[in-house]
PDB file of N, CA and C in Angstrom:
ATOM      1  N   MET A   1      18.115 -65.095  10.392  1.00  0.00           N
ATOM      2  CA  MET A   1      16.858 -64.631   9.921  1.00  0.00           C
ATOM      3  C   MET A   1      16.995 -63.164   9.494  1.00  0.00           C
ATOM      4  N   THR A   2      16.460 -62.844   8.368  1.00  0.00           N
ATOM      5  CA  THR A   2      16.557 -61.496   7.826  1.00  0.00           C
ATOM      6  C   THR A   2      15.259 -60.731   8.101  1.00  0.00           C
ATOM      7  N   ARG A   3      15.425 -59.518   8.564  1.00  0.00           N
ATOM      8  CA  ARG A   3      14.250 -58.677   8.829  1.00  0.00           C
ATOM      9  C   ARG A   3      14.143 -57.609   7.759  1.00  0.00           C
ATOM     10  N   PHE A   4      12.951 -57.377   7.318  1.00  0.00           N
ATOM     11  CA  PHE A   4      12.688 -56.291   6.377  1.00  0.00           C
ATOM     12  C   PHE A   4      12.011 -55.160   7.145  1.00  0.00           C
ATOM     13  N   VAL A   5      12.648 -54.020   7.108  1.00  0.00           N
ATOM     14  CA  VAL A   5      12.092 -52.860   7.808  1.00  0.00           C
ATOM     15  C   VAL A   5      11.437 -51.964   6.764  1.00  0.00           C
ATOM     16  N   THR A   6      10.189 -51.725   6.967  1.00  0.00           N
ATOM     17  CA  THR A   6       9.483 -50.834   6.037  1.00  0.00           C
ATOM     18  C   THR A   6       9.274 -49.499   6.726  1.00  0.00           C
ATOM     19  N   SER A   7       9.452 -48.472   5.988  1.00  0.00           N
ATOM     20  CA  SER A   7       9.213 -47.138   6.537  1.00  0.00           C
ATOM     21  C   SER A   7       8.080 -46.490   5.762  1.00  0.00           C
ATOM     22  N   GLY A   8       7.347 -45.621   6.449  1.00  0.00           N
ATOM     23  CA  GLY A   8       6.230 -44.931   5.801  1.00  0.00           C
ATOM     24  C   GLY A   8       6.730 -43.933   4.777  1.00  0.00           C
ATOM     25  N   GLN A   9       5.859 -43.621   3.871  1.00  0.00           N
ATOM     26  CA  GLN A   9       6.222 -42.643   2.846  1.00  0.00           C
ATOM     27  C   GLN A   9       6.337 -41.265   3.469  1.00  0.00           C
ATOM     28  N   ARG A  10       7.162 -40.442   2.875  1.00  0.00           N
ATOM     29  CA  ARG A  10       7.359 -39.085   3.349  1.00  0.00           C
ATOM     30  C   ARG A  10       6.963 -38.111   2.255  1.00  0.00           C
ATOM     31  N   GLY A  11       6.616 -36.891   2.665  1.00  0.00           N
ATOM     32  CA  GLY A  11       6.312 -35.850   1.696  1.00  0.00           C
ATOM     33  C   GLY A  11       4.842 -35.471   1.703  1.00  0.00           C
ATOM     34  N   PHE A  12       4.482 -34.598   0.763  1.00  0.00           N
ATOM     35  CA  PHE A  12       3.113 -34.123   0.639  1.00  0.00           C
ATOM     36  C   PHE A  12       2.244 -35.137  -0.090  1.00  0.00           C
ATOM     37  N   SER A  13       1.015 -35.183   0.321  1.00  0.00           N
ATOM     38  CA  SER A  13       0.050 -35.917  -0.489  1.00  0.00           C
ATOM     39  C   SER A  13      -0.424 -34.959  -1.585  1.00  0.00           C
ATOM     40  N   PHE A  14      -1.129 -35.458  -2.530  1.00  0.00           N
ATOM     41  CA  PHE A  14      -1.610 -34.601  -3.615  1.00  0.00           C
ATOM     42  C   PHE A  14      -2.591 -33.561  -3.082  1.00  0.00           C
ATOM     43  N   ILE A  15      -3.434 -33.949  -2.148  1.00  0.00           N
ATOM     44  CA  ILE A  15      -4.393 -33.013  -1.545  1.00  0.00           C
ATOM     45  C   ILE A  15      -3.645 -31.936  -0.760  1.00  0.00           C
ATOM     46  N   GLY A  16      -2.624 -32.326  -0.029  1.00  0.00           N
ATOM     47  CA  GLY A  16      -1.809 -31.352   0.698  1.00  0.00           C
ATOM     48  C   GLY A  16      -1.128 -30.385  -0.240  1.00  0.00           C
ATOM     49  N   PHE A  17      -0.620 -30.901  -1.351  1.00  0.00           N
ATOM     50  CA  PHE A  17       0.010 -30.041  -2.350  1.00  0.00           C
ATOM     51  C   PHE A  17      -0.988 -29.043  -2.921  1.00  0.00           C
ATOM     52  N   LEU A  18      -2.200 -29.504  -3.245  1.00  0.00           N
ATOM     53  CA  LEU A  18      -3.226 -28.597  -3.778  1.00  0.00           C
ATOM     54  C   LEU A  18      -3.601 -27.527  -2.763  1.00  0.00           C
ATOM     55  N   PHE A  19      -3.691 -27.892  -1.492  1.00  0.00           N
ATOM     56  CA  PHE A  19      -4.015 -26.927  -0.452  1.00  0.00           C
ATOM     57  C   PHE A  19      -2.936 -25.850  -0.337  1.00  0.00           C
ATOM     58  N   VAL A  20      -1.694 -26.264  -0.278  1.00  0.00           N
ATOM     59  CA  VAL A  20      -0.577 -25.309  -0.179  1.00  0.00           C
ATOM     60  C   VAL A  20      -0.528 -24.417  -1.418  1.00  0.00           C
ATOM     61  N   ALA A  21      -0.729 -24.999  -2.594  1.00  0.00           N
ATOM     62  CA  ALA A  21      -0.720 -24.218  -3.835  1.00  0.00           C
ATOM     63  C   ALA A  21      -1.854 -23.195  -3.844  1.00  0.00           C
ATOM     64  N   ALA A  22      -3.040 -23.568  -3.360  1.00  0.00           N
ATOM     65  CA  ALA A  22      -4.176 -22.637  -3.323  1.00  0.00           C
ATOM     66  C   ALA A  22      -3.911 -21.483  -2.364  1.00  0.00           C
ATOM     67  N   VAL A  23      -3.347 -21.785  -1.192  1.00  0.00           N
ATOM     68  CA  VAL A  23      -3.036 -20.729  -0.222  1.00  0.00           C
ATOM     69  C   VAL A  23      -1.988 -19.776  -0.794  1.00  0.00           C
ATOM     70  N   LEU A  24      -0.961 -20.310  -1.437  1.00  0.00           N
ATOM     71  CA  LEU A  24       0.069 -19.454  -2.045  1.00  0.00           C
ATOM     72  C   LEU A  24      -0.502 -18.617  -3.179  1.00  0.00           C
ATOM     73  N   ALA A  25      -1.409 -19.172  -3.973  1.00  0.00           N
ATOM     74  CA  ALA A  25      -2.008 -18.430  -5.084  1.00  0.00           C
ATOM     75  C   ALA A  25      -2.866 -17.277  -4.572  1.00  0.00           C
ATOM     76  N   VAL A  26      -3.679 -17.528  -3.562  1.00  0.00           N
ATOM     77  CA  VAL A  26      -4.529 -16.467  -3.000  1.00  0.00           C
ATOM     78  C   VAL A  26      -3.666 -15.384  -2.369  1.00  0.00           C
ATOM     79  N   THR A  27      -2.640 -15.779  -1.640  1.00  0.00           N
ATOM     80  CA  THR A  27      -1.725 -14.801  -1.042  1.00  0.00           C
ATOM     81  C   THR A  27      -1.032 -13.975  -2.115  1.00  0.00           C
ATOM     82  N   GLY A  28      -0.615 -14.604  -3.186  1.00  0.00           N
ATOM     83  CA  GLY A  28       0.040 -13.882  -4.279  1.00  0.00           C
ATOM     84  C   GLY A  28      -0.883 -12.874  -4.941  1.00  0.00           C
ATOM     85  N   VAL A  29      -2.142 -13.229  -5.125  1.00  0.00           N
ATOM     86  CA  VAL A  29      -3.103 -12.302  -5.738  1.00  0.00           C
ATOM     87  C   VAL A  29      -3.331 -11.087  -4.837  1.00  0.00           C
ATOM     88  N   VAL A  30      -3.472 -11.313  -3.540  1.00  0.00           N
ATOM     89  CA  VAL A  30      -3.690 -10.202  -2.606  1.00  0.00           C
ATOM     90  C   VAL A  30      -2.459  -9.296  -2.551  1.00  0.00           C
ATOM     91  N   VAL A  31      -1.282  -9.888  -2.468  1.00  0.00           N
ATOM     92  CA  VAL A  31      -0.044  -9.086  -2.439  1.00  0.00           C
ATOM     93  C   VAL A  31       0.113  -8.290  -3.737  1.00  0.00           C
ATOM     94  N   ALA A  32      -0.258  -8.887  -4.855  1.00  0.00           N
ATOM     95  CA  ALA A  32      -0.167  -8.176  -6.137  1.00  0.00           C
ATOM     96  C   ALA A  32      -1.116  -6.982  -6.189  1.00  0.00           C
ATOM     97  N   GLN A  33      -2.193  -7.004  -5.413  1.00  0.00           N
ATOM     98  CA  GLN A  33      -3.097  -5.865  -5.365  1.00  0.00           C
ATOM     99  C   GLN A  33      -2.661  -4.831  -4.333  1.00  0.00           C
ATOM    100  N   ILE A  34      -1.904  -5.244  -3.333  1.00  0.00           N
ATOM    101  CA  ILE A  34      -1.440  -4.325  -2.295  1.00  0.00           C
ATOM    102  C   ILE A  34      -0.242  -3.505  -2.769  1.00  0.00           C
ATOM    103  N   ILE A  35       0.637  -4.101  -3.538  1.00  0.00           N
ATOM    104  CA  ILE A  35       1.876  -3.438  -3.951  1.00  0.00           C
ATOM    105  C   ILE A  35       1.625  -2.089  -4.649  1.00  0.00           C
ATOM    106  N   PRO A  36       0.688  -1.981  -5.597  1.00  0.00           N
ATOM    107  CA  PRO A  36       0.462  -0.660  -6.212  1.00  0.00           C
ATOM    108  C   PRO A  36       0.006   0.411  -5.221  1.00  0.00           C
ATOM    109  N   THR A  37      -0.759   0.032  -4.195  1.00  0.00           N
ATOM    110  CA  THR A  37      -1.183   1.030  -3.210  1.00  0.00           C
ATOM    111  C   THR A  37      -0.005   1.491  -2.359  1.00  0.00           C
ATOM    112  N   ALA A  38       0.926   0.583  -2.067  1.00  0.00           N
ATOM    113  CA  ALA A  38       2.118   0.958  -1.307  1.00  0.00           C
ATOM    114  C   ALA A  38       3.024   1.872  -2.131  1.00  0.00           C
ATOM    115  N   ILE A  39       3.118   1.604  -3.424  1.00  0.00           N
ATOM    116  CA  ILE A  39       3.912   2.466  -4.309  1.00  0.00           C
ATOM    117  C   ILE A  39       3.279   3.847  -4.405  1.00  0.00           C
ATOM    118  N   GLU A  40       1.942   3.876  -4.491  1.00  0.00           N
ATOM    119  CA  GLU A  40       1.247   5.168  -4.540  1.00  0.00           C
ATOM    120  C   GLU A  40       1.450   5.940  -3.242  1.00  0.00           C
ATOM    121  N   TYR A  41       1.451   5.255  -2.108  1.00  0.00           N
ATOM    122  CA  TYR A  41       1.695   5.909  -0.820  1.00  0.00           C
ATOM    123  C   TYR A  41       3.072   6.570  -0.797  1.00  0.00           C
ATOM    124  N   GLN A  42       4.075   5.880  -1.319  1.00  0.00           N
ATOM    125  CA  GLN A  42       5.412   6.474  -1.388  1.00  0.00           C
ATOM    126  C   GLN A  42       5.418   7.718  -2.277  1.00  0.00           C
ATOM    127  N   ALA A  43       4.656   7.673  -3.370  1.00  0.00           N
ATOM    128  CA  ALA A  43       4.561   8.836  -4.261  1.00  0.00           C
ATOM    129  C   ALA A  43       3.858   9.992  -3.562  1.00  0.00           C
ATOM    130  N   VAL A  44       2.832   9.705  -2.761  1.00  0.00           N
ATOM    131  CA  VAL A  44       2.127  10.754  -2.022  1.00  0.00           C
ATOM    132  C   VAL A  44       3.065  11.378  -0.992  1.00  0.00           C
ATOM    133  N   LEU A  45       3.855  10.552  -0.307  1.00  0.00           N
ATOM    134  CA  LEU A  45       4.836  11.099   0.639  1.00  0.00           C
ATOM    135  C   LEU A  45       5.823  12.034  -0.055  1.00  0.00           C
ATOM    136  N   LYS A  46       6.293  11.614  -1.227  1.00  0.00           N
ATOM    137  CA  LYS A  46       7.242  12.432  -1.982  1.00  0.00           C
ATOM    138  C   LYS A  46       6.589  13.753  -2.424  1.00  0.00           C
ATOM    139  N   ALA A  47       5.337  13.678  -2.872  1.00  0.00           N
ATOM    140  CA  ALA A  47       4.631  14.887  -3.299  1.00  0.00           C
ATOM    141  C   ALA A  47       4.382  15.821  -2.113  1.00  0.00           C
ATOM    142  N   ALA A  48       4.078  15.270  -0.944  1.00  0.00           N
ATOM    143  CA  ALA A  48       3.864  16.090   0.247  1.00  0.00           C
ATOM    144  C   ALA A  48       5.156  16.786   0.656  1.00  0.00           C
ATOM    145  N   GLN A  49       6.258  16.069   0.550  1.00  0.00           N
ATOM    146  CA  GLN A  49       7.549  16.678   0.887  1.00  0.00           C
ATOM    147  C   GLN A  49       7.872  17.815  -0.074  1.00  0.00           C
ATOM    148  N   LYS A  50       7.612  17.591  -1.350  1.00  0.00           N
ATOM    149  CA  LYS A  50       7.870  18.632  -2.342  1.00  0.00           C
ATOM    150  C   LYS A  50       6.942  19.821  -2.130  1.00  0.00           C
ATOM    151  N   ALA A  51       5.679  19.564  -1.782  1.00  0.00           N
ATOM    152  CA  ALA A  51       4.705  20.636  -1.593  1.00  0.00           C
ATOM    153  C   ALA A  51       5.022  21.485  -0.371  1.00  0.00           C
ATOM    154  N   SER A  52       5.711  20.915   0.601  1.00  0.00           N
ATOM    155  CA  SER A  52       6.033  21.686   1.810  1.00  0.00           C
ATOM    156  C   SER A  52       7.028  22.809   1.546  1.00  0.00           C
ATOM    157  N   GLU A  53       7.565  22.882   0.335  1.00  0.00           N
ATOM    158  CA  GLU A  53       8.473  23.968  -0.029  1.00  0.00           C
ATOM    159  C   GLU A  53       7.726  25.250  -0.363  1.00  0.00           C
ATOM    160  N   GLY A  54       6.400  25.163  -0.534  1.00  0.00           N
ATOM    161  CA  GLY A  54       5.598  26.346  -0.838  1.00  0.00           C
ATOM    162  C   GLY A  54       5.451  27.248   0.365  1.00  0.00           C
ATOM    163  N   ASN A  55       5.001  28.493   0.113  1.00  0.00           N
ATOM    164  CA  ASN A  55       4.873  29.474   1.186  1.00  0.00           C
ATOM    165  C   ASN A  55       3.435  29.710   1.613  1.00  0.00           C
ATOM    166  N   THR A  56       2.497  29.642   0.664  1.00  0.00           N
ATOM    167  CA  THR A  56       1.092  29.855   0.988  1.00  0.00           C
ATOM    168  C   THR A  56       0.332  28.548   0.796  1.00  0.00           C
ATOM    169  N   VAL A  57      -0.872  28.517   1.356  1.00  0.00           N
ATOM    170  CA  VAL A  57      -1.683  27.304   1.252  1.00  0.00           C
ATOM    171  C   VAL A  57      -2.014  27.021  -0.212  1.00  0.00           C
ATOM    172  N   VAL A  58      -2.357  28.042  -0.960  1.00  0.00           N
ATOM    173  CA  VAL A  58      -2.688  27.871  -2.377  1.00  0.00           C
ATOM    174  C   VAL A  58      -1.481  27.350  -3.152  1.00  0.00           C
ATOM    175  N   GLU A  59      -0.311  27.888  -2.865  1.00  0.00           N
ATOM    176  CA  GLU A  59       0.905  27.448  -3.546  1.00  0.00           C
ATOM    177  C   GLU A  59       1.244  25.998  -3.185  1.00  0.00           C
ATOM    178  N   VAL A  60       1.091  25.648  -1.922  1.00  0.00           N
ATOM    179  CA  VAL A  60       1.378  24.279  -1.476  1.00  0.00           C
ATOM    180  C   VAL A  60       0.447  23.297  -2.182  1.00  0.00           C
ATOM    181  N   ARG A  61      -0.842  23.619  -2.243  1.00  0.00           N
ATOM    182  CA  ARG A  61      -1.802  22.727  -2.903  1.00  0.00           C
ATOM    183  C   ARG A  61      -1.528  22.632  -4.399  1.00  0.00           C
ATOM    184  N   SER A  62      -1.114  23.718  -5.001  1.00  0.00           N
ATOM    185  CA  SER A  62      -0.783  23.706  -6.434  1.00  0.00           C
ATOM    186  C   SER A  62       0.443  22.832  -6.705  1.00  0.00           C
ATOM    187  N   ILE A  63       1.462  22.966  -5.880  1.00  0.00           N
ATOM    188  CA  ILE A  63       2.665  22.138  -6.032  1.00  0.00           C
ATOM    189  C   ILE A  63       2.312  20.666  -5.852  1.00  0.00           C
ATOM    190  N   PHE A  64       1.469  20.370  -4.857  1.00  0.00           N
ATOM    191  CA  PHE A  64       1.063  18.981  -4.624  1.00  0.00           C
ATOM    192  C   PHE A  64       0.302  18.438  -5.828  1.00  0.00           C
ATOM    193  N   ASP A  65      -0.628  19.224  -6.374  1.00  0.00           N
ATOM    194  CA  ASP A  65      -1.410  18.773  -7.533  1.00  0.00           C
ATOM    195  C   ASP A  65      -0.520  18.511  -8.746  1.00  0.00           C
ATOM    196  N   LYS A  66       0.483  19.348  -8.958  1.00  0.00           N
ATOM    197  CA  LYS A  66       1.408  19.132 -10.078  1.00  0.00           C
ATOM    198  C   LYS A  66       2.217  17.849  -9.872  1.00  0.00           C
ATOM    199  N   ALA A  67       2.703  17.634  -8.663  1.00  0.00           N
ATOM    200  CA  ALA A  67       3.457  16.407  -8.373  1.00  0.00           C
ATOM    201  C   ALA A  67       2.543  15.180  -8.484  1.00  0.00           C
ATOM    202  N   ALA A  68       1.280  15.325  -8.076  1.00  0.00           N
ATOM    203  CA  ALA A  68       0.330  14.220  -8.167  1.00  0.00           C
ATOM    204  C   ALA A  68       0.034  13.869  -9.620  1.00  0.00           C
ATOM    205  N   ALA A  69      -0.021  14.875 -10.474  1.00  0.00           N
ATOM    206  CA  ALA A  69      -0.257  14.619 -11.896  1.00  0.00           C
ATOM    207  C   ALA A  69       0.930  13.892 -12.520  1.00  0.00           C
ATOM    208  N   ILE A  70       2.129  14.264 -12.136  1.00  0.00           N
ATOM    209  CA  ILE A  70       3.325  13.626 -12.679  1.00  0.00           C
ATOM    210  C   ILE A  70       3.421  12.175 -12.232  1.00  0.00           C
ATOM    211  N   ASP A  71       3.145  11.919 -10.942  1.00  0.00           N
ATOM    212  CA  ASP A  71       3.286  10.569 -10.386  1.00  0.00           C
ATOM    213  C   ASP A  71       2.012   9.735 -10.485  1.00  0.00           C
ATOM    214  N   ASN A  72       0.985  10.272 -11.138  1.00  0.00           N
ATOM    215  CA  ASN A  72      -0.275   9.549 -11.349  1.00  0.00           C
ATOM    216  C   ASN A  72      -0.924   9.135 -10.031  1.00  0.00           C
ATOM    217  N   ILE A  73      -1.044  10.098  -9.116  1.00  0.00           N
ATOM    218  CA  ILE A  73      -1.673   9.865  -7.821  1.00  0.00           C
ATOM    219  C   ILE A  73      -3.161  10.148  -7.958  1.00  0.00           C
ATOM    220  N   SER A  74      -3.990   9.168  -7.622  1.00  0.00           N
ATOM    221  CA  SER A  74      -5.431   9.359  -7.754  1.00  0.00           C
ATOM    222  C   SER A  74      -6.160   9.347  -6.414  1.00  0.00           C
ATOM    223  N   SER A  75      -5.518   8.925  -5.349  1.00  0.00           N
ATOM    224  CA  SER A  75      -6.186   8.794  -4.052  1.00  0.00           C
ATOM    225  C   SER A  75      -6.282  10.098  -3.280  1.00  0.00           C
ATOM    226  N   VAL A  76      -5.354  11.006  -3.501  1.00  0.00           N
ATOM    227  CA  VAL A  76      -5.293  12.255  -2.751  1.00  0.00           C
ATOM    228  C   VAL A  76      -5.084  13.399  -3.735  1.00  0.00           C
ATOM    229  N   SER A  77      -5.777  14.500  -3.490  1.00  0.00           N
ATOM    230  CA  SER A  77      -5.558  15.697  -4.314  1.00  0.00           C
ATOM    231  C   SER A  77      -5.170  16.847  -3.394  1.00  0.00           C
ATOM    232  N   GLY A  78      -4.880  17.977  -3.990  1.00  0.00           N
ATOM    233  CA  GLY A  78      -4.458  19.138  -3.221  1.00  0.00           C
ATOM    234  C   GLY A  78      -5.489  19.602  -2.211  1.00  0.00           C
ATOM    235  N   LYS A  79      -6.765  19.435  -2.523  1.00  0.00           N
ATOM    236  CA  LYS A  79      -7.810  19.862  -1.581  1.00  0.00           C
ATOM    237  C   LYS A  79      -7.948  18.920  -0.389  1.00  0.00           C
ATOM    238  N   ASP A  80      -7.384  17.713  -0.482  1.00  0.00           N
ATOM    239  CA  ASP A  80      -7.481  16.724   0.596  1.00  0.00           C
ATOM    240  C   ASP A  80      -6.358  16.838   1.626  1.00  0.00           C
ATOM    241  N   ILE A  81      -5.330  17.596   1.332  1.00  0.00           N
ATOM    242  CA  ILE A  81      -4.189  17.677   2.248  1.00  0.00           C
ATOM    243  C   ILE A  81      -4.418  18.772   3.287  1.00  0.00           C
ATOM    244  N   ASP A  82      -3.786  18.616   4.439  1.00  0.00           N
ATOM    245  CA  ASP A  82      -3.822  19.629   5.494  1.00  0.00           C
ATOM    246  C   ASP A  82      -2.490  20.360   5.496  1.00  0.00           C
ATOM    247  N   VAL A  83      -2.564  21.684   5.490  1.00  0.00           N
ATOM    248  CA  VAL A  83      -1.353  22.501   5.476  1.00  0.00           C
ATOM    249  C   VAL A  83      -1.304  23.288   6.784  1.00  0.00           C
ATOM    250  N   THR A  84      -0.224  23.100   7.546  1.00  0.00           N
ATOM    251  CA  THR A  84      -0.041  23.814   8.809  1.00  0.00           C
ATOM    252  C   THR A  84       1.384  24.345   8.865  1.00  0.00           C
ATOM    253  N   LYS A  85       1.622  25.190   9.872  1.00  0.00           N
ATOM    254  CA  LYS A  85       2.980  25.693  10.105  1.00  0.00           C
ATOM    255  C   LYS A  85       3.417  25.261  11.498  1.00  0.00           C
ATOM    256  N   GLU A  86       4.624  24.730  11.572  1.00  0.00           N
ATOM    257  CA  GLU A  86       5.224  24.367  12.848  1.00  0.00           C
ATOM    258  C   GLU A  86       6.626  24.963  12.888  1.00  0.00           C
ATOM    259  N   ASN A  87       6.856  25.829  13.868  1.00  0.00           N
ATOM    260  CA  ASN A  87       8.167  26.477  14.016  1.00  0.00           C
ATOM    261  C   ASN A  87       8.617  27.158  12.731  1.00  0.00           C
ATOM    262  N   ASP A  88       7.720  27.909  12.130  1.00  0.00           N
ATOM    263  CA  ASP A  88       8.022  28.675  10.912  1.00  0.00           C
ATOM    264  C   ASP A  88       8.342  27.775   9.713  1.00  0.00           C
ATOM    265  N   LYS A  89       7.849  26.550   9.730  1.00  0.00           N
ATOM    266  CA  LYS A  89       8.078  25.608   8.638  1.00  0.00           C
ATOM    267  C   LYS A  89       6.723  25.046   8.206  1.00  0.00           C
ATOM    268  N   VAL A  90       6.502  24.950   6.896  1.00  0.00           N
ATOM    269  CA  VAL A  90       5.247  24.428   6.368  1.00  0.00           C
ATOM    270  C   VAL A  90       5.248  22.901   6.485  1.00  0.00           C
ATOM    271  N   VAL A  91       4.154  22.355   7.026  1.00  0.00           N
ATOM    272  CA  VAL A  91       4.007  20.911   7.182  1.00  0.00           C
ATOM    273  C   VAL A  91       2.752  20.481   6.420  1.00  0.00           C
ATOM    274  N   VAL A  92       2.931  19.504   5.544  1.00  0.00           N
ATOM    275  CA  VAL A  92       1.822  18.968   4.757  1.00  0.00           C
ATOM    276  C   VAL A  92       1.501  17.577   5.310  1.00  0.00           C
ATOM    277  N   SER A  93       0.240  17.363   5.693  1.00  0.00           N
ATOM    278  CA  SER A  93      -0.164  16.057   6.184  1.00  0.00           C
ATOM    279  C   SER A  93      -1.369  15.566   5.389  1.00  0.00           C
ATOM    280  N   PHE A  94      -1.532  14.249   5.369  1.00  0.00           N
ATOM    281  CA  PHE A  94      -2.612  13.640   4.598  1.00  0.00           C
ATOM    282  C   PHE A  94      -3.022  12.334   5.254  1.00  0.00           C
ATOM    283  N   ALA A  95      -4.227  11.904   4.948  1.00  0.00           N
ATOM    284  CA  ALA A  95      -4.732  10.606   5.404  1.00  0.00           C
ATOM    285  C   ALA A  95      -5.790  10.155   4.404  1.00  0.00           C
ATOM    286  N   TYR A  96      -5.735   8.908   4.022  1.00  0.00           N
ATOM    287  CA  TYR A  96      -6.721   8.345   3.108  1.00  0.00           C
ATOM    288  C   TYR A  96      -6.763   6.841   3.289  1.00  0.00           C
ATOM    289  N   GLN A  97      -7.769   6.222   2.705  1.00  0.00           N
ATOM    290  CA  GLN A  97      -7.854   4.768   2.780  1.00  0.00           C
ATOM    291  C   GLN A  97      -8.153   4.193   1.409  1.00  0.00           C
ATOM    292  N   ARG A  98      -7.696   2.968   1.212  1.00  0.00           N
ATOM    293  CA  ARG A  98      -7.921   2.235  -0.040  1.00  0.00           C
ATOM    294  C   ARG A  98      -8.555   0.898   0.298  1.00  0.00           C
ATOM    295  N   GLU A  99      -9.511   0.492  -0.511  1.00  0.00           N
ATOM    296  CA  GLU A  99     -10.168  -0.794  -0.316  1.00  0.00           C
ATOM    297  C   GLU A  99      -9.860  -1.702  -1.489  1.00  0.00           C
ATOM    298  N   ILE A 100      -9.577  -2.965  -1.175  1.00  0.00           N
ATOM    299  CA  ILE A 100      -9.342  -3.974  -2.202  1.00  0.00           C
ATOM    300  C   ILE A 100     -10.398  -5.051  -2.020  1.00  0.00           C
ATOM    301  N   HIS A 101     -11.149  -5.311  -3.066  1.00  0.00           N
ATOM    302  CA  HIS A 101     -12.192  -6.331  -3.007  1.00  0.00           C
ATOM    303  C   HIS A 101     -11.541  -7.710  -3.011  1.00  0.00           C
ATOM    304  N   LEU A 102     -11.883  -8.525  -2.029  1.00  0.00           N
ATOM    305  CA  LEU A 102     -11.326  -9.868  -1.953  1.00  0.00           C
ATOM    306  C   LEU A 102     -12.276 -10.880  -2.584  1.00  0.00           C
ATOM    307  N   ALA A 103     -13.443 -11.072  -1.982  1.00  0.00           N
ATOM    308  CA  ALA A 103     -14.431 -12.005  -2.520  1.00  0.00           C
ATOM    309  C   ALA A 103     -15.764 -11.735  -1.838  1.00  0.00           C
ATOM    310  N   GLY A 104     -16.846 -11.762  -2.595  1.00  0.00           N
ATOM    311  CA  GLY A 104     -18.168 -11.544  -2.024  1.00  0.00           C
ATOM    312  C   GLY A 104     -18.220 -10.228  -1.277  1.00  0.00           C
ATOM    313  N   PRO A 105     -18.635 -10.240  -0.017  1.00  0.00           N
ATOM    314  CA  PRO A 105     -18.705  -8.989   0.748  1.00  0.00           C
ATOM    315  C   PRO A 105     -17.398  -8.636   1.467  1.00  0.00           C
ATOM    316  N   ALA A 106     -16.332  -9.385   1.232  1.00  0.00           N
ATOM    317  CA  ALA A 106     -15.071  -9.174   1.952  1.00  0.00           C
ATOM    318  C   ALA A 106     -14.177  -8.168   1.229  1.00  0.00           C
ATOM    319  N   TYR A 107     -13.695  -7.186   1.983  1.00  0.00           N
ATOM    320  CA  TYR A 107     -12.774  -6.175   1.473  1.00  0.00           C
ATOM    321  C   TYR A 107     -11.581  -6.078   2.412  1.00  0.00           C
ATOM    322  N   LEU A 108     -10.445  -5.741   1.847  1.00  0.00           N
ATOM    323  CA  LEU A 108      -9.256  -5.437   2.631  1.00  0.00           C
ATOM    324  C   LEU A 108      -9.113  -3.920   2.614  1.00  0.00           C
ATOM    325  N   THR A 109      -9.215  -3.283   3.784  1.00  0.00           N
ATOM    326  CA  THR A 109      -9.129  -1.833   3.881  1.00  0.00           C
ATOM    327  C   THR A 109      -7.772  -1.451   4.449  1.00  0.00           C
ATOM    328  N   MET A 110      -7.084  -0.581   3.721  1.00  0.00           N
ATOM    329  CA  MET A 110      -5.780  -0.096   4.172  1.00  0.00           C
ATOM    330  C   MET A 110      -5.888   1.404   4.407  1.00  0.00           C
ATOM    331  N   LYS A 111      -5.438   1.842   5.571  1.00  0.00           N
ATOM    332  CA  LYS A 111      -5.473   3.259   5.915  1.00  0.00           C
ATOM    333  C   LYS A 111      -4.055   3.798   5.867  1.00  0.00           C
ATOM    334  N   TYR A 112      -3.870   4.819   5.063  1.00  0.00           N
ATOM    335  CA  TYR A 112      -2.562   5.451   4.914  1.00  0.00           C
ATOM    336  C   TYR A 112      -2.613   6.861   5.488  1.00  0.00           C
ATOM    337  N   ALA A 113      -1.567   7.258   6.161  1.00  0.00           N
ATOM    338  CA  ALA A 113      -1.447   8.605   6.706  1.00  0.00           C
ATOM    339  C   ALA A 113       0.032   8.968   6.716  1.00  0.00           C
ATOM    340  N   GLY A 114       0.313  10.246   6.564  1.00  0.00           N
ATOM    341  CA  GLY A 114       1.705  10.696   6.585  1.00  0.00           C
ATOM    342  C   GLY A 114       1.788  12.195   6.626  1.00  0.00           C
ATOM    343  N   ARG A 115       2.995  12.670   6.693  1.00  0.00           N
ATOM    344  CA  ARG A 115       3.241  14.117   6.709  1.00  0.00           C
ATOM    345  C   ARG A 115       4.650  14.398   6.242  1.00  0.00           C
ATOM    346  N   SER A 116       4.848  15.610   5.809  1.00  0.00           N
ATOM    347  CA  SER A 116       6.174  16.010   5.355  1.00  0.00           C
ATOM    348  C   SER A 116       7.087  16.170   6.560  1.00  0.00           C
ATOM    349  N   LYS A 117       8.383  16.128   6.300  1.00  0.00           N
ATOM    350  CA  LYS A 117       9.364  16.248   7.390  1.00  0.00           C
ATOM    351  C   LYS A 117       9.635  17.682   7.711  1.00  0.00           C
TER     352      LYS A 117
END
C-alpha cells in the first residue's frame, strides 16, 4: 500500500508580505528623515571643535558662525553656543533638539548635545 504524505505550504501569505513591506517602508521613511539630522550634528561638532581655537567669546562665536555657514548648519548659531574655559583651554558646548513629523499629532523628537574636546 502506498501512502501519500502531504505537507503544508511554507512561506509568507500575501497579507503577511504586505504587512512586512509596510513596516519596512515606514521604517525607511523615518530613517531617511533622521539621517540628515545626524549629519548636521556631526557638522555642528566639527564647527564647535574649530571654534574652540578662538581666544575670546566674540571670536569663538564668529568662527562658529563662519563654519556653520560653510556646512549649512541651521539648528545652532553662534549665539546658541556656550563658551567656557577649562584648564586654560576654550570649551564650546551646545544643545538643541530637532522634531520630525511622523503622522497626525505624532512627532519624533531628537535631542542633540555636545562639546569640543
